[in-house]
N, C-alpha and C. Protein backbone atom coordinates (compact mmCIF):
# COMPACT_ATOMS: atom_id res chain seq x y z
N MET A 1 33.19 53.92 172.55
CA MET A 1 33.16 52.57 172.65
C MET A 1 34.54 51.65 173.66
N ASN A 2 33.61 50.98 174.46
CA ASN A 2 34.79 49.73 175.61
C ASN A 2 35.16 48.66 174.79
N LYS A 3 35.67 47.71 175.33
CA LYS A 3 36.55 46.35 174.29
C LYS A 3 34.87 45.51 173.72
N THR A 4 33.77 45.96 174.85
CA THR A 4 32.90 44.99 174.15
C THR A 4 33.14 45.43 172.95
N GLU A 5 32.30 46.46 172.76
CA GLU A 5 31.91 47.15 171.92
C GLU A 5 32.68 47.27 170.75
N LEU A 6 34.14 46.95 170.68
CA LEU A 6 34.58 46.98 170.31
C LEU A 6 34.76 45.45 169.73
N VAL A 7 34.34 44.53 170.14
CA VAL A 7 34.92 43.42 170.11
C VAL A 7 33.57 42.82 168.80
N SER A 8 32.42 43.54 169.62
CA SER A 8 31.39 43.44 168.27
C SER A 8 31.10 43.90 167.10
N ALA A 9 31.76 45.38 167.14
CA ALA A 9 32.13 45.91 165.85
C ALA A 9 32.86 45.18 164.98
N ILE A 10 34.10 44.57 165.59
CA ILE A 10 34.99 43.29 164.55
C ILE A 10 34.73 42.51 163.94
N ALA A 11 33.51 41.75 165.36
CA ALA A 11 33.20 40.22 164.70
C ALA A 11 31.76 40.27 163.54
N GLU A 12 31.07 41.98 163.60
CA GLU A 12 29.89 41.81 162.73
C GLU A 12 30.45 42.65 161.19
N GLY A 13 31.91 43.11 161.57
CA GLY A 13 32.55 43.95 160.23
C GLY A 13 33.20 43.17 159.33
N ALA A 14 33.76 41.85 160.80
CA ALA A 14 34.38 40.73 159.44
C ALA A 14 34.03 39.25 159.52
N GLY A 15 32.13 39.58 160.13
CA GLY A 15 32.10 37.88 159.48
C GLY A 15 32.56 37.11 160.97
N LEU A 16 33.03 37.39 161.85
CA LEU A 16 33.99 36.71 162.94
C LEU A 16 32.41 35.94 164.43
N THR A 17 32.74 35.21 164.58
CA THR A 17 32.28 35.12 165.78
C THR A 17 32.68 36.33 166.77
N LYS A 18 31.77 36.15 168.46
CA LYS A 18 32.61 37.48 169.41
C LYS A 18 33.65 36.26 169.62
N LYS A 19 33.71 35.48 169.96
CA LYS A 19 34.95 34.61 170.58
C LYS A 19 36.27 35.03 169.30
N GLN A 20 35.74 34.78 168.07
CA GLN A 20 37.34 34.67 167.51
C GLN A 20 37.56 35.95 167.23
N ALA A 21 36.58 37.36 167.23
CA ALA A 21 36.98 38.70 167.17
C ALA A 21 37.86 39.06 168.72
N GLU A 22 37.50 38.73 169.79
CA GLU A 22 38.09 39.11 170.94
C GLU A 22 39.28 37.84 170.94
N GLY A 23 39.43 36.76 170.52
CA GLY A 23 40.58 35.97 170.20
C GLY A 23 41.85 37.31 169.33
N ALA A 24 41.42 37.50 168.36
CA ALA A 24 42.46 38.46 167.37
C ALA A 24 42.28 39.76 168.01
N LEU A 25 41.30 40.07 168.56
CA LEU A 25 42.00 41.45 169.18
C LEU A 25 43.29 41.36 170.34
N GLU A 26 42.66 40.54 171.51
CA GLU A 26 43.98 39.98 172.48
C GLU A 26 45.60 39.95 171.49
N VAL A 27 45.48 39.27 170.10
CA VAL A 27 46.20 39.43 170.01
C VAL A 27 47.43 40.40 169.41
N VAL A 28 46.42 40.94 169.18
CA VAL A 28 46.73 42.85 168.40
C VAL A 28 47.39 43.43 169.40
N LEU A 29 46.33 43.83 170.12
CA LEU A 29 47.24 44.45 171.81
C LEU A 29 48.03 43.31 172.41
N ASN A 30 48.03 42.11 172.55
CA ASN A 30 49.51 42.14 172.94
C ASN A 30 50.34 42.17 172.13
N SER A 31 50.51 42.18 170.60
CA SER A 31 51.87 42.47 170.00
C SER A 31 52.19 43.77 169.59
N VAL A 32 50.76 44.57 170.62
CA VAL A 32 51.57 45.72 170.72
C VAL A 32 52.03 46.62 171.99
N ILE A 33 51.88 45.55 172.92
CA ILE A 33 52.04 45.78 174.16
C ILE A 33 54.02 44.92 174.63
N SER A 34 53.98 43.85 173.57
CA SER A 34 55.16 43.25 173.78
C SER A 34 56.36 44.10 172.46
N GLU A 35 55.60 44.51 171.80
CA GLU A 35 56.83 45.43 170.95
C GLU A 35 57.66 46.94 171.99
N ALA A 36 56.18 47.21 172.77
CA ALA A 36 56.60 48.46 173.25
C ALA A 36 57.95 48.29 174.16
N LYS A 37 57.19 46.84 175.08
CA LYS A 37 58.20 46.41 176.80
C LYS A 37 59.46 46.57 175.63
N ALA A 38 59.78 46.04 174.27
CA ALA A 38 61.18 45.52 173.92
C ALA A 38 60.95 46.42 173.34
N GLY A 39 61.23 48.00 173.63
CA GLY A 39 61.32 48.72 172.65
C GLY A 39 61.72 49.52 171.72
N SER A 40 60.77 48.50 170.73
CA SER A 40 59.96 48.49 169.60
C SER A 40 58.93 49.33 169.30
N LYS A 41 58.93 50.06 168.09
CA LYS A 41 57.49 50.90 167.81
C LYS A 41 56.64 49.50 166.94
N THR A 42 55.50 50.23 166.88
CA THR A 42 54.55 49.33 165.79
C THR A 42 53.54 50.27 165.45
N THR A 43 53.96 50.15 163.71
CA THR A 43 53.30 51.15 163.15
C THR A 43 52.24 49.85 162.25
N ILE A 44 50.83 50.69 162.34
CA ILE A 44 49.03 50.31 161.34
C ILE A 44 49.28 51.29 160.28
N PRO A 45 49.27 50.86 158.81
CA PRO A 45 49.73 52.08 158.28
C PRO A 45 48.32 52.83 158.42
N GLY A 46 48.03 53.83 158.14
CA GLY A 46 46.69 54.59 157.59
C GLY A 46 46.00 54.83 159.20
N PHE A 47 46.66 53.93 160.01
CA PHE A 47 46.26 54.09 161.87
C PHE A 47 47.10 55.11 162.39
N GLY A 48 48.38 54.38 162.22
CA GLY A 48 49.09 55.35 163.56
C GLY A 48 50.21 54.21 163.66
N THR A 49 51.17 55.27 164.76
CA THR A 49 52.21 54.92 165.66
C THR A 49 52.54 54.42 166.98
N PHE A 50 52.78 53.68 167.70
CA PHE A 50 52.79 53.04 168.95
C PHE A 50 54.04 53.18 169.11
N HIS A 51 54.82 54.41 170.14
CA HIS A 51 56.00 54.46 170.12
C HIS A 51 56.33 54.52 171.63
N PRO A 52 57.34 53.52 172.11
CA PRO A 52 57.18 53.67 173.78
C PRO A 52 58.79 54.53 173.77
N THR A 53 58.10 54.76 175.01
CA THR A 53 59.10 56.18 175.59
C THR A 53 59.33 55.79 176.91
N LYS A 54 60.26 56.50 178.09
CA LYS A 54 60.99 56.62 178.63
C LYS A 54 60.99 57.81 179.37
N ARG A 55 60.85 58.03 180.62
CA ARG A 55 60.87 58.90 181.97
C ARG A 55 61.47 58.96 182.78
N ALA A 56 62.26 59.46 183.26
CA ALA A 56 63.60 59.91 183.67
C ALA A 56 63.58 60.11 185.70
N ALA A 57 63.96 60.03 186.28
CA ALA A 57 63.96 59.51 187.45
C ALA A 57 63.89 61.39 187.65
N ARG A 58 63.44 61.72 188.61
CA ARG A 58 62.81 63.47 189.04
C ARG A 58 62.70 63.50 190.44
N MET A 59 62.52 64.65 190.64
CA MET A 59 61.99 65.33 191.95
C MET A 59 60.50 65.82 191.64
N GLY A 60 59.40 65.66 192.96
CA GLY A 60 58.39 66.17 192.75
C GLY A 60 57.45 66.89 194.29
N VAL A 61 57.21 67.36 193.64
CA VAL A 61 56.08 67.54 195.18
C VAL A 61 54.54 67.62 195.13
N ASN A 62 54.49 67.45 197.07
CA ASN A 62 53.29 66.82 197.06
C ASN A 62 52.34 68.07 197.15
N PRO A 63 51.68 68.46 196.42
CA PRO A 63 51.27 69.54 196.00
C PRO A 63 50.02 70.16 197.92
N ARG A 64 49.82 69.02 198.56
CA ARG A 64 48.80 69.09 200.19
C ARG A 64 50.22 70.02 200.77
N THR A 65 51.27 68.84 200.91
CA THR A 65 52.03 69.42 201.99
C THR A 65 53.11 70.04 201.64
N GLY A 66 53.59 69.77 200.37
CA GLY A 66 55.02 70.50 200.25
C GLY A 66 56.22 69.98 200.00
N GLU A 67 55.91 68.28 200.83
CA GLU A 67 57.24 67.91 200.93
C GLU A 67 57.31 67.09 199.32
N LYS A 68 59.20 67.21 199.65
CA LYS A 68 59.44 66.76 197.94
C LYS A 68 59.48 65.34 197.93
N ARG A 69 59.35 64.75 196.61
CA ARG A 69 59.09 62.70 197.00
C ARG A 69 59.96 62.92 195.63
N LYS A 70 61.56 62.08 195.50
CA LYS A 70 62.19 61.75 193.88
C LYS A 70 60.70 60.32 193.39
N ILE A 71 60.28 60.95 192.59
CA ILE A 71 60.20 60.17 191.57
C ILE A 71 60.64 59.08 190.23
N ALA A 72 60.40 57.79 190.44
CA ALA A 72 60.85 56.66 190.00
C ALA A 72 60.73 57.01 188.56
N ALA A 73 62.21 56.90 187.91
CA ALA A 73 61.90 56.54 186.41
C ALA A 73 61.01 55.37 185.93
N SER A 74 60.59 55.46 184.69
CA SER A 74 59.28 54.73 184.21
C SER A 74 59.52 54.66 182.49
N LYS A 75 58.37 53.68 181.96
CA LYS A 75 58.50 53.77 180.65
C LYS A 75 56.73 54.04 180.36
N GLY A 76 56.78 54.60 179.28
CA GLY A 76 55.17 54.93 178.80
C GLY A 76 55.21 54.43 177.41
N VAL A 77 53.81 54.81 176.79
CA VAL A 77 54.14 54.65 174.96
C VAL A 77 52.68 56.22 174.99
N ARG A 78 53.43 56.45 174.05
CA ARG A 78 52.51 57.44 172.83
C ARG A 78 52.49 57.36 171.65
N PHE A 79 51.14 57.69 171.40
CA PHE A 79 50.49 56.92 170.16
C PHE A 79 50.65 58.38 168.96
N ALA A 80 51.22 58.49 167.76
CA ALA A 80 50.31 59.30 166.68
C ALA A 80 49.58 58.69 165.79
N ALA A 81 48.99 59.32 165.88
CA ALA A 81 48.05 59.19 164.62
C ALA A 81 48.17 59.53 163.02
N GLY A 82 48.15 58.02 161.89
CA GLY A 82 48.83 58.38 161.19
C GLY A 82 47.91 59.08 159.68
N ALA A 83 48.65 59.57 158.65
CA ALA A 83 48.10 60.78 158.10
C ALA A 83 46.27 60.86 157.42
N THR A 84 46.00 59.01 157.23
CA THR A 84 44.81 58.69 157.19
C THR A 84 43.71 59.09 157.55
N PHE A 85 44.39 58.50 159.22
CA PHE A 85 43.26 58.40 160.32
C PHE A 85 43.16 59.87 160.85
N LYS A 86 44.21 61.32 160.49
CA LYS A 86 44.03 62.44 160.65
C LYS A 86 43.13 63.64 159.61
N ASP A 87 43.25 62.95 158.20
CA ASP A 87 42.41 63.39 156.97
C ASP A 87 41.32 62.94 157.96
N ILE A 88 40.52 61.91 157.89
CA ILE A 88 39.25 61.47 157.87
C ILE A 88 38.42 62.60 159.19
N LEU A 89 39.19 62.39 160.06
CA LEU A 89 38.87 62.99 161.84
C LEU A 89 38.91 64.53 160.73
N ASN A 90 39.57 65.03 160.22
CA ASN A 90 39.34 66.40 160.08
C ASN A 90 38.51 66.65 158.44
N GLY A 91 37.90 66.09 158.52
CA GLY A 91 36.59 65.53 156.70
C GLY A 91 37.12 65.65 155.89
N ARG A 92 38.92 65.85 155.59
CA ARG A 92 39.34 65.59 154.19
C ARG A 92 39.08 64.07 153.54
N LYS A 93 38.83 63.20 154.01
CA LYS A 93 38.82 61.66 153.51
C LYS A 93 37.43 60.98 153.79
N PRO A 94 36.84 60.66 153.45
CA PRO A 94 35.33 59.80 153.80
C PRO A 94 35.56 58.70 154.44
N ALA A 95 34.85 58.93 155.51
CA ALA A 95 35.57 57.59 156.74
C ALA A 95 35.09 56.15 155.86
N PRO A 96 36.08 55.35 156.16
CA PRO A 96 35.51 53.96 155.41
C PRO A 96 34.37 52.99 156.10
N LYS A 97 33.71 52.85 154.83
CA LYS A 97 32.37 51.65 154.94
C LYS A 97 32.57 50.62 155.71
N ALA A 98 31.98 50.00 156.88
CA ALA A 98 31.87 48.13 157.60
C ALA A 98 31.61 47.58 156.37
N LYS A 99 32.32 46.18 156.59
CA LYS A 99 32.02 46.00 155.45
C LYS A 99 31.31 44.44 155.80
N LYS A 100 29.58 44.50 155.37
CA LYS A 100 28.78 43.56 155.73
C LYS A 100 29.05 42.19 155.27
N LYS A 101 29.44 40.30 155.82
CA LYS A 101 29.37 39.29 154.90
C LYS A 101 27.73 38.73 155.24
């Protein structure tokens, strides 16, 4: 599923226009990004948690040339699926039905 398909699913499931659904999705995504940038985690109960991470600087090797290079420190994010999400994936709970308006 790509972003356009996700926006369409949100619009249909929530009874919104595609423009409203896209706006809502942008707010959610920007909020998660802002919190991660600030070093805070974002938890969506039943879905999962986005954890910001830090990677220390390290030495790496170019596999083609064997040249050693310093790799700069960087930030990243990890996603940990919530218990409900895992249960649905593993068939222990039925997937929620989309609400139609």
